[in-house]
Amino acid sequence: MREKKKSVWSKKGTGQEGLKKRDGNRGERWQGESRKGYLKSGIDGYVPPEGENCIRIVQPLEVEDLEYYGFEVHFHRNVGEDGGMMLCSKRMHKTFQEAYPEEEVPFNRNCTECAKQTAELWENNPDEAKSYYPDWRILMWVLDLNGDDPDKLLLWSCPKSLAEEVLAQSHKKGTEVYIDLSHPETGVKVFFDREGQGKTGTSYSGVQVSSDEYPLDDSIAEQLKMFKDLLIYPGEEDDPYESDADDTEEEGTEHQDDESTESKPDCYSKEYDKYEDCDTCDCADDCRDDYKKKESQAKPSKPTRKPRREEEKKVAEEAPKDKVSTNVRETMRRRREEAAAKTNNNRRPR
């Protein structure tokens, strides 16, 4: 009797806690042939065409560690003379550590692009300073069900805002249950519309999830690769922009997982909520609190007002006693004395 082949799919899937946590954290392209990118060559990518799109999200190999069907990537654009893309070492350090807790992190916390956001640049050219913020995307394995080959596995660098909307649509209203869109047996189709072209001219709308299950064949799982194996790491042979940053740490020191150890941007606590990037900044919450604290401290406190009579008395004492004011006082004194004498003369003896 032939032994049944063991399925590579995870029966556990994403898990409800992972989807719920990611949805609660809501609050963002693909490299061309002429540009260097942050992904290794030989990967078939998915680029949604204009109009209606229909995809099936495929469960990744590391779904149980991620507790999600996507992998966050942070990368810089317009790097070097050819205007390519490069992974942000600063942000990817934390992302990789959370996704692969048992593995050594191949990123240091120093990023040559983030380091260009100096205080002087923020003061002289804030628009250029903002351009050094990294983009935030979600890598997903998908099937293009409207494409020529709906069984071909494709890698999608999905905008963060669209990924958040897809997750929100998978939430069953009135409950705390989320549909695991990537589950190999019970996962469903996802629909959305795309309009426009380019980084600033593209918009997505009409996100919907189907109510009908769309099971996946095991042959699709055989095409999968780990997300970490798709990336170009700083210092690798394929890295088009090898970082000059020092990977070594001082002896006896160790990085902590706390975000407070990471350097803050030069606009921190100075220009809160003035830029689009504020929504995705790692320091947004702390920046807001410190900004409001500084703002309240900068307001002048109201002076304590002295009683009116004391003020008048002080002014009267400090006022110059010129001839005119002296004559007036003498006249008033004489009138009071005359009035008192007249009153005494009019009194009858007992």
Foldseek 3Di string as FASTA:
>chain_A
DDDDDDFLADPCFLDLVLLLVVLVLPLFADDDPQAAEFWDPPAAADDDDFWKFKKFFAAANLNHQNSAQWAKWWWAFLPDPSGHIHTFLQVVQLSVCSSCVPDDRLGANDGPLLVVLDLVCCVVPVVVSVNSGTAMWIWTWMAGPPDPDRLDIHIYRHTHNVVSVLSVQQQDPPDSDGDSLNRQWFHWMWMKGWDADDDPGIDIDDIHTDPDGDHDDSVSVVPHDHPVVGGDGAPDPSDPCHDPDDRDDDPPDDDDSDPVVRDDRSCQLPQQPPDPCLSVDPCNVVSVVSVVVVVVVPDDDDDDDDDPVVVVVVCVVPDDDDPVNVVVVVVVVVVVVVVVVVVVVPDDDD
